[in-house]
N, C-alpha and C. Protein backbone atom coordinates (compact mmCIF):
# COMPACT_ATOMS: atom_id res chain seq x y z
N MET A 1 49.26 22.41 3.47
CA MET A 1 47.85 22.35 3.71
C MET A 1 47.16 21.66 2.42
N PRO A 2 46.31 20.53 2.71
CA PRO A 2 45.64 19.79 1.58
C PRO A 2 44.52 20.67 0.86
N ASP A 3 44.44 20.53 -0.39
CA ASP A 3 43.23 21.14 -1.08
C ASP A 3 42.02 20.66 -0.73
N THR A 4 41.11 21.29 -0.23
CA THR A 4 39.77 20.99 0.14
C THR A 4 38.74 21.29 -0.82
N THR A 5 39.07 21.66 -1.98
CA THR A 5 38.02 22.04 -2.95
C THR A 5 37.26 20.89 -3.36
N ALA A 6 35.92 21.11 -3.42
CA ALA A 6 35.10 19.91 -3.87
C ALA A 6 35.22 19.87 -5.34
N LEU A 7 35.19 18.61 -5.78
CA LEU A 7 35.22 18.32 -7.21
C LEU A 7 33.96 18.03 -7.69
N PRO A 8 33.69 18.41 -9.05
CA PRO A 8 32.34 18.15 -9.62
C PRO A 8 32.23 16.73 -9.99
N LEU A 9 31.00 16.13 -9.89
CA LEU A 9 30.78 14.82 -10.29
C LEU A 9 30.82 14.65 -11.79
N ILE A 10 31.67 13.76 -12.35
CA ILE A 10 31.73 13.41 -13.85
C ILE A 10 31.00 12.22 -13.82
N LEU A 11 29.70 12.31 -14.45
CA LEU A 11 28.93 11.02 -14.52
C LEU A 11 29.39 10.07 -15.44
N ASN A 12 29.64 8.89 -14.88
CA ASN A 12 30.10 7.63 -15.59
C ASN A 12 29.40 6.59 -14.89
N ALA A 13 27.95 6.62 -14.83
CA ALA A 13 27.16 5.76 -14.00
C ALA A 13 27.08 4.36 -14.41
N LYS A 14 26.72 3.52 -13.34
CA LYS A 14 26.37 2.15 -13.60
C LYS A 14 24.84 2.27 -13.22
N VAL A 15 23.98 1.90 -14.23
CA VAL A 15 22.59 2.00 -14.19
C VAL A 15 21.91 0.60 -14.33
N THR A 16 21.19 0.28 -13.30
CA THR A 16 20.44 -1.07 -13.44
C THR A 16 18.90 -0.80 -13.25
N ILE A 17 18.16 -1.47 -14.08
CA ILE A 17 16.81 -1.48 -14.06
C ILE A 17 16.28 -2.84 -13.85
N ASP A 18 15.65 -3.05 -12.87
CA ASP A 18 15.07 -4.49 -12.43
C ASP A 18 16.37 -5.56 -12.53
N ALA A 19 17.52 -5.07 -11.92
CA ALA A 19 18.73 -5.84 -11.83
C ALA A 19 19.51 -6.06 -13.15
N VAL A 20 19.11 -5.41 -14.26
CA VAL A 20 19.76 -5.54 -15.59
C VAL A 20 20.57 -4.40 -15.78
N GLU A 21 21.97 -4.52 -15.94
CA GLU A 21 22.84 -3.31 -16.23
C GLU A 21 22.60 -2.79 -17.64
N LEU A 22 22.31 -1.51 -17.66
CA LEU A 22 22.11 -0.91 -19.08
C LEU A 22 23.10 0.21 -19.24
N ASP A 23 24.11 0.25 -18.53
CA ASP A 23 25.11 1.48 -18.73
C ASP A 23 25.37 1.82 -20.04
N CYS A 24 25.76 0.79 -20.94
CA CYS A 24 26.26 1.11 -22.19
C CYS A 24 25.13 1.53 -23.14
N LEU A 25 23.90 1.56 -22.64
CA LEU A 25 22.79 1.97 -23.53
C LEU A 25 22.21 3.28 -23.08
N VAL A 26 22.63 3.73 -21.92
CA VAL A 26 22.08 4.95 -21.21
C VAL A 26 22.88 6.16 -21.68
N ASN A 27 22.14 7.13 -22.12
CA ASN A 27 22.88 8.46 -22.56
C ASN A 27 22.63 9.57 -21.45
N GLU A 28 21.46 9.46 -20.82
CA GLU A 28 21.17 10.51 -19.93
C GLU A 28 20.26 9.98 -18.70
N ILE A 29 20.42 10.41 -17.54
CA ILE A 29 19.60 9.97 -16.52
C ILE A 29 19.40 11.15 -15.54
N ALA A 30 18.30 11.02 -14.87
CA ALA A 30 17.76 11.97 -13.77
C ALA A 30 16.86 11.36 -12.88
N ILE A 31 17.14 11.66 -11.55
CA ILE A 31 16.10 11.24 -10.51
C ILE A 31 15.71 12.49 -9.96
N GLU A 32 14.51 12.86 -10.20
CA GLU A 32 14.08 14.26 -9.94
C GLU A 32 12.88 14.43 -9.15
N PRO A 33 12.75 15.52 -8.20
CA PRO A 33 11.64 15.92 -7.45
C PRO A 33 10.88 16.90 -8.23
N GLU A 34 9.55 16.94 -7.99
CA GLU A 34 8.66 17.89 -8.38
C GLU A 34 7.76 18.23 -7.35
N THR A 35 7.82 19.58 -6.77
CA THR A 35 7.07 19.72 -5.47
C THR A 35 6.00 20.88 -6.04
N GLU A 36 4.78 20.38 -5.77
CA GLU A 36 3.61 21.23 -6.00
C GLU A 36 3.64 22.38 -4.96
N THR A 37 3.04 23.40 -5.31
CA THR A 37 2.84 24.51 -4.35
C THR A 37 1.41 24.85 -4.18
N THR A 38 1.09 25.37 -3.04
CA THR A 38 -0.30 25.77 -2.84
C THR A 38 -0.39 27.18 -2.55
N GLU A 39 -1.22 27.92 -3.23
CA GLU A 39 -1.35 29.30 -3.00
C GLU A 39 -2.34 29.65 -2.00
N ILE A 40 -2.20 30.51 -1.06
CA ILE A 40 -3.06 30.85 -0.02
C ILE A 40 -3.36 32.39 -0.17
N LYS A 41 -4.44 32.75 -0.48
CA LYS A 41 -4.84 34.23 -0.63
C LYS A 41 -5.54 34.78 0.61
N THR A 42 -5.09 35.95 1.06
CA THR A 42 -5.86 36.52 2.25
C THR A 42 -5.95 38.01 1.77
N MET A 43 -6.69 38.65 2.72
CA MET A 43 -6.75 40.05 2.44
C MET A 43 -5.39 40.97 2.39
N CYS A 44 -4.35 40.23 2.92
CA CYS A 44 -3.04 40.88 2.85
C CYS A 44 -2.14 40.41 1.82
N GLY A 45 -2.67 39.64 0.90
CA GLY A 45 -1.83 39.23 -0.13
C GLY A 45 -1.99 37.64 -0.38
N ALA A 46 -1.03 37.28 -1.19
CA ALA A 46 -0.99 35.85 -1.39
C ALA A 46 0.37 35.22 -1.15
N SER A 47 0.31 34.02 -0.56
CA SER A 47 1.71 33.30 -0.31
C SER A 47 1.56 31.89 -0.79
N GLU A 48 2.74 31.49 -1.15
CA GLU A 48 2.77 30.01 -1.67
C GLU A 48 3.62 29.12 -0.80
N TYR A 49 2.99 27.94 -0.51
CA TYR A 49 3.57 27.04 0.36
C TYR A 49 3.89 25.77 -0.34
N PRO A 50 4.96 25.12 0.03
CA PRO A 50 5.36 23.79 -0.57
C PRO A 50 4.23 22.77 -0.28
N GLY A 51 3.94 21.97 -1.23
CA GLY A 51 2.94 20.84 -1.03
C GLY A 51 3.73 19.44 -1.18
N THR A 52 2.96 18.56 -1.82
CA THR A 52 3.50 17.31 -2.03
C THR A 52 4.65 17.18 -3.02
N THR A 53 5.54 16.41 -2.71
CA THR A 53 6.80 16.15 -3.56
C THR A 53 6.63 14.84 -4.15
N LYS A 54 6.67 14.75 -5.61
CA LYS A 54 6.67 13.41 -6.31
C LYS A 54 7.97 13.23 -6.99
N TRP A 55 8.53 12.10 -6.92
CA TRP A 55 9.80 11.70 -7.48
C TRP A 55 9.57 11.00 -8.85
N SER A 56 10.66 11.12 -9.73
CA SER A 56 10.46 10.34 -11.04
C SER A 56 11.96 9.94 -11.36
N PHE A 57 12.00 8.97 -12.09
CA PHE A 57 13.31 8.48 -12.75
C PHE A 57 13.11 8.69 -14.30
N ASN A 58 13.81 9.50 -14.86
CA ASN A 58 13.88 9.94 -16.32
C ASN A 58 15.18 9.51 -16.98
N ALA A 59 15.07 8.96 -18.05
CA ALA A 59 16.25 8.37 -18.78
C ALA A 59 16.12 8.37 -20.35
N THR A 60 17.14 8.76 -20.93
CA THR A 60 17.26 8.46 -22.31
C THR A 60 18.25 7.49 -22.64
N LEU A 61 17.75 6.45 -23.30
CA LEU A 61 18.55 5.27 -23.72
C LEU A 61 18.55 5.04 -25.18
N TYR A 62 19.60 4.48 -25.73
CA TYR A 62 19.73 3.99 -27.14
C TYR A 62 18.92 2.83 -27.22
N GLN A 63 17.92 2.72 -28.18
CA GLN A 63 17.27 1.53 -28.44
C GLN A 63 18.01 0.44 -29.05
N SER A 64 17.85 -0.77 -28.39
CA SER A 64 18.50 -1.93 -28.88
C SER A 64 17.54 -3.17 -28.78
N PHE A 65 17.28 -3.86 -29.84
CA PHE A 65 16.39 -4.98 -29.86
C PHE A 65 17.20 -6.24 -29.64
N ASP A 66 18.49 -6.26 -29.32
CA ASP A 66 19.36 -7.32 -29.05
C ASP A 66 18.95 -8.02 -27.75
N ALA A 67 19.57 -9.18 -27.53
CA ALA A 67 19.33 -9.89 -26.20
C ALA A 67 20.07 -9.05 -25.12
N GLY A 68 19.16 -8.83 -24.10
CA GLY A 68 19.76 -8.15 -22.97
C GLY A 68 19.81 -6.49 -23.05
N GLY A 69 19.12 -6.18 -24.35
CA GLY A 69 19.06 -4.70 -24.78
C GLY A 69 17.88 -4.07 -24.14
N THR A 70 17.77 -2.79 -24.52
CA THR A 70 16.78 -1.91 -24.02
C THR A 70 15.26 -2.46 -24.11
N HIS A 71 14.98 -2.88 -25.19
CA HIS A 71 13.54 -3.43 -25.46
C HIS A 71 13.36 -4.77 -24.58
N GLU A 72 14.22 -5.59 -24.71
CA GLU A 72 14.02 -6.89 -24.04
C GLU A 72 13.99 -6.67 -22.42
N THR A 73 14.58 -5.59 -22.01
CA THR A 73 14.61 -5.31 -20.60
C THR A 73 13.41 -4.50 -20.18
N LEU A 74 13.09 -3.46 -20.97
CA LEU A 74 12.11 -2.57 -20.51
C LEU A 74 10.61 -2.98 -20.78
N TRP A 75 10.53 -3.44 -22.03
CA TRP A 75 9.02 -3.79 -22.41
C TRP A 75 8.35 -4.76 -21.49
N PRO A 76 9.01 -5.83 -21.15
CA PRO A 76 8.19 -6.83 -20.09
C PRO A 76 7.90 -6.16 -18.83
N LEU A 77 8.72 -5.24 -18.35
CA LEU A 77 8.46 -4.49 -17.15
C LEU A 77 7.09 -3.59 -17.35
N VAL A 78 7.07 -2.94 -18.46
CA VAL A 78 5.84 -2.15 -18.74
C VAL A 78 4.59 -3.06 -18.92
N GLU A 79 4.73 -4.08 -19.54
CA GLU A 79 3.58 -4.99 -19.63
C GLU A 79 3.20 -5.59 -18.30
N ALA A 80 4.03 -5.96 -17.35
CA ALA A 80 3.71 -6.38 -15.98
C ALA A 80 3.19 -5.39 -15.21
N GLY A 81 3.59 -4.09 -15.33
CA GLY A 81 2.90 -3.05 -14.58
C GLY A 81 3.23 -3.00 -13.05
N ALA A 82 4.09 -3.79 -12.62
CA ALA A 82 4.46 -3.87 -11.26
C ALA A 82 5.72 -3.00 -10.95
N PRO A 83 5.86 -2.53 -9.70
CA PRO A 83 7.09 -1.70 -9.35
C PRO A 83 8.31 -2.45 -9.66
N VAL A 84 9.33 -1.83 -9.96
CA VAL A 84 10.58 -2.37 -10.17
C VAL A 84 11.71 -1.41 -9.46
N THR A 85 12.93 -1.92 -9.26
CA THR A 85 13.93 -1.17 -8.57
C THR A 85 15.02 -0.68 -9.61
N VAL A 86 15.24 0.67 -9.53
CA VAL A 86 16.33 1.18 -10.36
C VAL A 86 17.43 1.62 -9.38
N THR A 87 18.66 1.27 -9.92
CA THR A 87 19.87 1.82 -9.17
C THR A 87 20.81 2.41 -9.87
N VAL A 88 21.32 3.50 -9.34
CA VAL A 88 22.47 4.40 -9.96
C VAL A 88 23.59 4.51 -9.18
N LEU A 89 24.73 4.11 -9.71
CA LEU A 89 26.13 4.38 -8.95
C LEU A 89 26.66 5.41 -9.80
N PRO A 90 26.93 6.63 -9.31
CA PRO A 90 27.33 7.68 -10.12
C PRO A 90 28.83 7.38 -10.79
N LYS A 91 29.68 6.76 -10.03
CA LYS A 91 31.06 6.65 -10.54
C LYS A 91 31.20 5.03 -10.79
N ARG A 92 30.80 4.49 -11.96
CA ARG A 92 30.98 3.07 -12.23
C ARG A 92 32.37 2.67 -11.98
N GLY A 93 32.42 1.37 -11.47
CA GLY A 93 33.79 0.80 -11.24
C GLY A 93 34.39 1.31 -9.83
N GLU A 94 33.78 2.21 -9.18
CA GLU A 94 34.35 2.65 -7.87
C GLU A 94 33.41 2.16 -6.71
N LEU A 95 33.88 1.90 -5.51
CA LEU A 95 33.15 1.50 -4.52
C LEU A 95 32.06 2.36 -3.99
N VAL A 96 31.07 1.98 -3.38
CA VAL A 96 30.04 2.75 -2.78
C VAL A 96 30.66 3.55 -1.50
N GLY A 97 30.30 4.67 -1.46
CA GLY A 97 30.92 5.53 -0.29
C GLY A 97 30.19 6.77 -0.33
N VAL A 98 30.75 7.74 0.62
CA VAL A 98 30.09 9.15 0.79
C VAL A 98 30.19 9.83 -0.57
N THR A 99 31.32 9.72 -1.26
CA THR A 99 31.51 10.53 -2.56
C THR A 99 31.07 9.65 -3.64
N ASN A 100 30.39 8.49 -3.54
CA ASN A 100 29.82 7.69 -4.62
C ASN A 100 28.63 6.95 -4.03
N PRO A 101 27.55 7.55 -3.60
CA PRO A 101 26.47 6.92 -3.13
C PRO A 101 25.64 6.07 -4.03
N LEU A 102 25.26 4.86 -3.55
CA LEU A 102 24.36 4.09 -4.41
C LEU A 102 22.92 4.64 -4.29
N ILE A 103 22.33 4.89 -5.32
CA ILE A 103 20.99 5.61 -5.29
C ILE A 103 20.07 4.74 -5.77
N THR A 104 18.96 4.26 -4.86
CA THR A 104 17.96 3.24 -5.28
C THR A 104 16.55 4.00 -5.27
N VAL A 105 15.80 3.62 -6.15
CA VAL A 105 14.46 4.27 -6.23
C VAL A 105 13.52 3.16 -6.77
N GLU A 106 12.25 2.98 -6.29
CA GLU A 106 11.42 2.08 -6.95
C GLU A 106 10.40 2.87 -7.71
N VAL A 107 10.28 2.37 -8.87
CA VAL A 107 9.41 3.10 -10.04
C VAL A 107 8.41 2.22 -10.50
N ILE A 108 7.38 2.91 -11.22
CA ILE A 108 6.31 2.02 -11.85
C ILE A 108 6.47 2.31 -13.40
N PRO A 109 6.85 1.17 -14.10
CA PRO A 109 7.10 1.37 -15.54
C PRO A 109 5.84 1.69 -16.27
N THR A 110 5.96 2.63 -17.26
CA THR A 110 4.76 2.86 -18.12
C THR A 110 5.21 2.93 -19.53
N PRO A 111 4.24 2.91 -20.44
CA PRO A 111 4.73 2.83 -21.92
C PRO A 111 5.62 3.83 -22.36
N TYR A 112 6.35 3.70 -23.34
CA TYR A 112 7.35 4.73 -23.90
C TYR A 112 7.41 4.50 -25.35
N THR A 113 7.92 5.43 -26.06
CA THR A 113 8.13 5.30 -27.46
C THR A 113 8.93 4.24 -27.80
N ILE A 114 8.72 3.25 -28.52
CA ILE A 114 9.46 2.10 -28.84
C ILE A 114 10.60 2.37 -29.82
N ILE A 115 10.29 3.26 -30.83
CA ILE A 115 11.46 3.54 -31.73
C ILE A 115 11.26 5.04 -32.21
N GLY A 116 12.29 5.84 -32.21
CA GLY A 116 12.28 7.06 -32.68
C GLY A 116 13.64 7.70 -32.91
N GLY A 117 13.74 8.68 -33.85
CA GLY A 117 14.92 9.24 -34.17
C GLY A 117 15.00 9.77 -35.51
N THR A 118 16.35 10.19 -35.87
CA THR A 118 16.56 10.82 -37.18
C THR A 118 17.36 9.95 -38.08
N ALA A 119 17.12 10.01 -39.32
CA ALA A 119 17.91 9.24 -40.28
C ALA A 119 19.36 9.23 -40.01
N GLY A 120 20.15 8.02 -39.98
CA GLY A 120 21.44 8.08 -39.83
C GLY A 120 21.96 8.32 -38.39
N GLU A 121 21.03 8.44 -37.41
CA GLU A 121 21.39 8.65 -35.99
C GLU A 121 20.74 7.45 -35.19
N PRO A 122 21.41 7.22 -33.97
CA PRO A 122 20.97 6.11 -33.19
C PRO A 122 19.55 6.39 -32.71
N SER A 123 18.64 5.36 -32.57
CA SER A 123 17.30 5.54 -32.24
C SER A 123 17.34 5.60 -30.69
N GLU A 124 16.61 6.67 -30.13
CA GLU A 124 16.61 6.85 -28.62
C GLU A 124 15.20 6.59 -28.09
N VAL A 125 15.21 6.13 -26.94
CA VAL A 125 13.98 5.86 -26.12
C VAL A 125 14.06 6.72 -24.84
N GLU A 126 12.94 7.57 -24.52
CA GLU A 126 12.91 8.35 -23.36
C GLU A 126 11.93 7.69 -22.33
N ILE A 127 12.30 7.52 -21.19
CA ILE A 127 11.36 7.02 -20.11
C ILE A 127 11.20 8.01 -19.04
N GLU A 128 9.95 8.14 -18.57
CA GLU A 128 9.75 8.99 -17.41
C GLU A 128 8.81 8.31 -16.47
N TRP A 129 9.39 7.57 -15.59
CA TRP A 129 8.61 6.63 -14.67
C TRP A 129 8.57 7.25 -13.44
N ALA A 130 7.37 7.32 -12.83
CA ALA A 130 6.92 7.75 -11.50
C ALA A 130 7.52 6.97 -10.40
N ALA A 131 8.07 7.50 -9.30
CA ALA A 131 8.70 6.78 -8.23
C ALA A 131 7.50 6.67 -7.23
N ILE A 132 7.76 5.51 -6.50
CA ILE A 132 6.79 5.12 -5.39
C ILE A 132 7.00 6.05 -4.19
N GLY A 133 8.35 6.37 -4.01
CA GLY A 133 8.71 7.31 -2.95
C GLY A 133 10.00 7.85 -3.26
N PRO A 134 10.54 8.66 -2.26
CA PRO A 134 11.83 9.37 -2.68
C PRO A 134 13.02 8.34 -2.66
N PRO A 135 14.10 8.54 -3.41
CA PRO A 135 15.28 7.71 -3.51
C PRO A 135 15.97 7.59 -2.26
N VAL A 136 16.69 6.41 -2.06
CA VAL A 136 17.35 6.15 -0.90
C VAL A 136 18.90 6.15 -1.30
N LEU A 137 19.69 6.86 -0.57
CA LEU A 137 21.14 6.91 -0.85
C LEU A 137 21.83 6.06 0.23
N THR A 138 22.67 5.05 -0.30
CA THR A 138 23.35 4.30 0.61
C THR A 138 24.85 4.59 0.41
N THR A 139 25.63 4.77 1.45
CA THR A 139 26.98 5.10 1.41
C THR A 139 27.96 3.94 2.05
N VAL A 140 27.45 2.97 2.49
CA VAL A 140 28.25 1.81 3.05
C VAL A 140 27.88 0.62 2.43
């Protein structure tokens, strides 16, 4: 009988922002929902109900001022202020499929800390960009 145990995802992602691959500069990524709740109070007590869900793309990248690097890719997007496409393929180098969906989300770039870090350590840039809508998962 074959083993049907689900395997954990080991993130080795291909990450593109506005069609530029930044895999080798990305340290951490998340496409996250945040759902606000609404509290309704009655004489019988209070209940919370789910409200609007907002999505975001959050990432920590190592700063690079080299051609094709973090700054050259992200800063013009921030200055333009127009929506851009972010894609994440969890298992870089493998085909898109049910166990490796291509995740696409449209985001609005906003300013970020251009340089920051500790002496002797790589400079990191953290971005938290609001998504226009929920992510789309493609499996074919």
